[in-house]
Amino acid sequence: MNDKLKIITPLPERSFQVYSRSHRLKTIFDCNRLLAKITNACLMGNLEETRATKIAYLVTCLMKGLELGELEKKIDEIEKRLNNDNQNTN
């Protein structure tokens, strides 16, 4: 047998809890942390790829929504400042 060839055997299936009710995804940081947890679990063989892919897709969609919400708040603040500046100059 060739010394360079290694047979990789999958790890025994373990139950992996991806989400806990006490850890709600409220920020982009929360989403990033969960994505890292999913990635590590998948790489370790504790979470099957199809499930990891589905969860990662949903988390990514949530991240996009959170990001858009933050941008909308910032745009509203800028518009308010511009309106106040325009009123003060008139």
N, C-alpha and C. Protein backbone atom coordinates (compact mmCIF):
# COMPACT_ATOMS: atom_id res chain seq x y z
N MET A 1 0.84 -1.18 0.00
CA MET A 1 0.00 0.00 0.00
C MET A 1 0.88 1.24 0.00
N ASN A 2 0.48 2.23 -0.76
CA ASN A 2 1.22 3.47 -0.87
C ASN A 2 1.12 4.26 0.43
N ASP A 3 2.25 4.71 0.96
CA ASP A 3 2.25 5.46 2.22
C ASP A 3 1.58 6.82 2.10
N LYS A 4 1.53 7.35 0.88
CA LYS A 4 0.95 8.67 0.68
C LYS A 4 -0.57 8.63 0.63
N LEU A 5 -1.14 7.49 0.38
CA LEU A 5 -2.59 7.38 0.31
C LEU A 5 -3.17 7.12 1.70
N LYS A 6 -4.12 7.90 2.04
CA LYS A 6 -4.79 7.71 3.32
C LYS A 6 -6.28 7.52 3.06
N ILE A 7 -6.83 6.58 3.73
CA ILE A 7 -8.27 6.36 3.60
C ILE A 7 -8.97 7.24 4.62
N ILE A 8 -9.85 8.06 4.12
CA ILE A 8 -10.58 8.97 5.01
C ILE A 8 -11.94 8.34 5.30
N THR A 9 -12.16 8.06 6.55
CA THR A 9 -13.46 7.51 6.94
C THR A 9 -14.28 8.61 7.58
N PRO A 10 -15.56 8.67 7.26
CA PRO A 10 -16.38 9.72 7.86
C PRO A 10 -16.52 9.51 9.36
N LEU A 11 -16.65 10.60 10.05
CA LEU A 11 -16.88 10.52 11.49
C LEU A 11 -18.26 9.94 11.76
N PRO A 12 -18.44 9.29 12.88
CA PRO A 12 -19.79 8.79 13.18
C PRO A 12 -20.75 9.96 13.33
N GLU A 13 -21.96 9.72 12.86
CA GLU A 13 -22.96 10.79 12.92
C GLU A 13 -23.26 11.16 14.36
N ARG A 14 -23.23 12.43 14.60
CA ARG A 14 -23.58 12.97 15.91
C ARG A 14 -24.70 13.96 15.72
N SER A 15 -25.51 14.09 16.71
CA SER A 15 -26.54 15.10 16.56
C SER A 15 -25.89 16.45 16.79
N PHE A 16 -26.18 17.37 15.92
CA PHE A 16 -25.60 18.69 16.00
C PHE A 16 -26.72 19.71 16.07
N GLN A 17 -26.73 20.46 17.13
CA GLN A 17 -27.75 21.48 17.30
C GLN A 17 -27.23 22.77 16.68
N VAL A 18 -27.87 23.16 15.59
CA VAL A 18 -27.42 24.34 14.86
C VAL A 18 -27.92 25.60 15.54
N TYR A 19 -29.12 25.54 16.05
CA TYR A 19 -29.76 26.75 16.53
C TYR A 19 -30.36 26.52 17.90
N SER A 20 -30.21 27.49 18.75
CA SER A 20 -30.80 27.43 20.08
C SER A 20 -31.75 28.62 20.22
N ARG A 21 -32.87 28.40 20.84
CA ARG A 21 -33.84 29.49 20.99
C ARG A 21 -33.28 30.67 21.77
N SER A 22 -32.31 30.40 22.61
CA SER A 22 -31.74 31.47 23.41
C SER A 22 -30.76 32.33 22.59
N HIS A 23 -30.37 31.85 21.43
CA HIS A 23 -29.44 32.59 20.56
C HIS A 23 -30.17 33.04 19.31
N ARG A 24 -30.89 34.12 19.41
CA ARG A 24 -31.60 34.64 18.25
C ARG A 24 -30.65 35.38 17.33
N LEU A 25 -30.94 35.35 16.06
CA LEU A 25 -30.12 36.04 15.08
C LEU A 25 -30.65 37.46 14.90
N LYS A 26 -30.04 38.40 15.61
CA LYS A 26 -30.51 39.78 15.58
C LYS A 26 -29.55 40.71 14.86
N THR A 27 -28.31 40.31 14.74
CA THR A 27 -27.30 41.17 14.12
C THR A 27 -26.52 40.39 13.08
N ILE A 28 -25.79 41.13 12.26
CA ILE A 28 -24.93 40.49 11.26
C ILE A 28 -23.85 39.67 11.97
N PHE A 29 -23.39 40.16 13.11
CA PHE A 29 -22.40 39.41 13.90
C PHE A 29 -22.95 38.04 14.31
N ASP A 30 -24.22 38.01 14.75
CA ASP A 30 -24.86 36.73 15.12
C ASP A 30 -24.89 35.78 13.94
N CYS A 31 -25.21 36.32 12.77
CA CYS A 31 -25.28 35.50 11.56
C CYS A 31 -23.91 34.96 11.18
N ASN A 32 -22.89 35.82 11.26
CA ASN A 32 -21.53 35.37 10.95
C ASN A 32 -21.08 34.27 11.90
N ARG A 33 -21.42 34.40 13.17
CA ARG A 33 -21.05 33.39 14.15
C ARG A 33 -21.72 32.05 13.82
N LEU A 34 -23.00 32.10 13.44
CA LEU A 34 -23.70 30.86 13.08
C LEU A 34 -23.13 30.25 11.81
N LEU A 35 -22.81 31.08 10.82
CA LEU A 35 -22.20 30.56 9.59
C LEU A 35 -20.88 29.87 9.88
N ALA A 36 -20.08 30.43 10.78
CA ALA A 36 -18.82 29.79 11.15
C ALA A 36 -19.08 28.46 11.85
N LYS A 37 -20.08 28.43 12.71
CA LYS A 37 -20.42 27.21 13.43
C LYS A 37 -20.89 26.12 12.46
N ILE A 38 -21.69 26.51 11.48
CA ILE A 38 -22.18 25.56 10.48
C ILE A 38 -21.03 25.03 9.64
N THR A 39 -20.16 25.93 9.22
CA THR A 39 -19.01 25.53 8.40
C THR A 39 -18.13 24.53 9.15
N ASN A 40 -17.82 24.85 10.38
CA ASN A 40 -16.98 23.95 11.18
C ASN A 40 -17.64 22.59 11.39
N ALA A 41 -18.93 22.60 11.68
CA ALA A 41 -19.65 21.34 11.89
C ALA A 41 -19.67 20.50 10.62
N CYS A 42 -19.84 21.15 9.49
CA CYS A 42 -19.86 20.43 8.21
C CYS A 42 -18.48 19.84 7.92
N LEU A 43 -17.44 20.63 8.16
CA LEU A 43 -16.08 20.15 7.90
C LEU A 43 -15.69 19.01 8.84
N MET A 44 -16.22 19.02 10.05
CA MET A 44 -15.92 17.97 11.02
C MET A 44 -16.77 16.72 10.80
N GLY A 45 -17.75 16.81 9.91
CA GLY A 45 -18.61 15.67 9.64
C GLY A 45 -19.79 15.55 10.59
N ASN A 46 -20.06 16.61 11.35
CA ASN A 46 -21.17 16.58 12.31
C ASN A 46 -22.48 17.10 11.73
N LEU A 47 -22.41 17.63 10.53
CA LEU A 47 -23.60 18.18 9.89
C LEU A 47 -23.52 17.87 8.41
N GLU A 48 -24.58 17.29 7.87
CA GLU A 48 -24.53 16.90 6.46
C GLU A 48 -24.58 18.14 5.57
N GLU A 49 -23.92 18.03 4.42
CA GLU A 49 -23.76 19.17 3.52
C GLU A 49 -25.07 19.76 3.05
N THR A 50 -26.05 18.92 2.75
CA THR A 50 -27.32 19.45 2.25
C THR A 50 -28.01 20.32 3.30
N ARG A 51 -27.98 19.88 4.53
CA ARG A 51 -28.60 20.67 5.60
C ARG A 51 -27.80 21.95 5.85
N ALA A 52 -26.47 21.84 5.84
CA ALA A 52 -25.61 23.01 6.04
C ALA A 52 -25.85 24.05 4.95
N THR A 53 -25.99 23.59 3.72
CA THR A 53 -26.23 24.49 2.60
C THR A 53 -27.55 25.23 2.75
N LYS A 54 -28.59 24.52 3.13
CA LYS A 54 -29.91 25.14 3.30
C LYS A 54 -29.88 26.19 4.42
N ILE A 55 -29.28 25.83 5.53
CA ILE A 55 -29.22 26.76 6.66
C ILE A 55 -28.36 27.97 6.30
N ALA A 56 -27.23 27.74 5.65
CA ALA A 56 -26.35 28.84 5.25
C ALA A 56 -27.07 29.79 4.30
N TYR A 57 -27.86 29.26 3.39
CA TYR A 57 -28.62 30.10 2.47
C TYR A 57 -29.60 30.99 3.23
N LEU A 58 -30.33 30.41 4.16
CA LEU A 58 -31.29 31.19 4.94
C LEU A 58 -30.60 32.26 5.78
N VAL A 59 -29.49 31.90 6.39
CA VAL A 59 -28.75 32.86 7.21
C VAL A 59 -28.22 34.00 6.34
N THR A 60 -27.74 33.67 5.15
CA THR A 60 -27.24 34.69 4.23
C THR A 60 -28.36 35.64 3.80
N CYS A 61 -29.55 35.10 3.56
CA CYS A 61 -30.70 35.95 3.23
C CYS A 61 -31.03 36.89 4.39
N LEU A 62 -30.99 36.38 5.59
CA LEU A 62 -31.26 37.20 6.76
C LEU A 62 -30.19 38.29 6.90
N MET A 63 -28.94 37.94 6.66
CA MET A 63 -27.86 38.92 6.73
C MET A 63 -28.10 40.06 5.74
N LYS A 64 -28.52 39.71 4.56
CA LYS A 64 -28.78 40.73 3.53
C LYS A 64 -29.90 41.66 3.99
N GLY A 65 -30.95 41.09 4.56
CA GLY A 65 -32.05 41.91 5.07
C GLY A 65 -31.61 42.83 6.19
N LEU A 66 -30.79 42.32 7.09
CA LEU A 66 -30.27 43.14 8.19
C LEU A 66 -29.40 44.27 7.65
N GLU A 67 -28.58 43.94 6.67
CA GLU A 67 -27.70 44.94 6.07
C GLU A 67 -28.52 46.04 5.40
N LEU A 68 -29.55 45.65 4.66
CA LEU A 68 -30.40 46.63 3.99
C LEU A 68 -31.13 47.51 5.00
N GLY A 69 -31.56 46.90 6.11
CA GLY A 69 -32.22 47.66 7.15
C GLY A 69 -31.30 48.72 7.75
N GLU A 70 -30.04 48.34 7.98
CA GLU A 70 -29.06 49.29 8.51
C GLU A 70 -28.80 50.41 7.52
N LEU A 71 -28.68 50.08 6.24
CA LEU A 71 -28.45 51.10 5.22
C LEU A 71 -29.64 52.05 5.12
N GLU A 72 -30.85 51.52 5.22
CA GLU A 72 -32.04 52.35 5.16
C GLU A 72 -32.06 53.35 6.32
N LYS A 73 -31.69 52.91 7.52
CA LYS A 73 -31.63 53.81 8.67
C LYS A 73 -30.62 54.92 8.44
N LYS A 74 -29.46 54.56 7.91
CA LYS A 74 -28.43 55.56 7.65
C LYS A 74 -28.88 56.57 6.60
N ILE A 75 -29.55 56.10 5.56
CA ILE A 75 -30.06 57.00 4.52
C ILE A 75 -31.11 57.94 5.10
N ASP A 76 -32.00 57.43 5.93
CA ASP A 76 -33.02 58.28 6.58
C ASP A 76 -32.37 59.36 7.42
N GLU A 77 -31.33 59.00 8.18
CA GLU A 77 -30.62 59.99 9.00
C GLU A 77 -29.99 61.08 8.13
N ILE A 78 -29.37 60.68 7.03
CA ILE A 78 -28.75 61.65 6.13
C ILE A 78 -29.80 62.57 5.53
N GLU A 79 -30.94 61.99 5.12
CA GLU A 79 -32.01 62.81 4.53
C GLU A 79 -32.56 63.81 5.55
N LYS A 80 -32.70 63.39 6.80
CA LYS A 80 -33.18 64.30 7.84
C LYS A 80 -32.20 65.44 8.05
N ARG A 81 -30.91 65.12 8.08
CA ARG A 81 -29.90 66.17 8.24
C ARG A 81 -29.93 67.15 7.08
N LEU A 82 -30.07 66.63 5.87
CA LEU A 82 -30.12 67.51 4.70
C LEU A 82 -31.35 68.40 4.74
N ASN A 83 -32.49 67.83 5.15
CA ASN A 83 -33.72 68.63 5.25
C ASN A 83 -33.58 69.72 6.30
N ASN A 84 -32.97 69.39 7.45
CA ASN A 84 -32.75 70.38 8.50
C ASN A 84 -31.81 71.48 8.03
N ASP A 85 -30.76 71.11 7.30
CA ASP A 85 -29.82 72.10 6.78
C ASP A 85 -30.49 73.02 5.77
N ASN A 86 -31.35 72.45 4.93
CA ASN A 86 -32.07 73.26 3.94
C ASN A 86 -33.04 74.23 4.60
N GLN A 87 -33.71 73.79 5.67
CA GLN A 87 -34.64 74.65 6.38
C GLN A 87 -33.91 75.77 7.10
N ASN A 88 -32.75 75.48 7.63
CA ASN A 88 -31.96 76.49 8.35
C ASN A 88 -31.39 77.55 7.44
N THR A 89 -31.09 77.21 6.17
CA THR A 89 -30.54 78.18 5.24
C THR A 89 -31.62 79.06 4.64
N ASN A 90 -32.86 78.65 4.68
CA ASN A 90 -33.95 79.46 4.07
C ASN A 90 -34.49 80.41 5.04
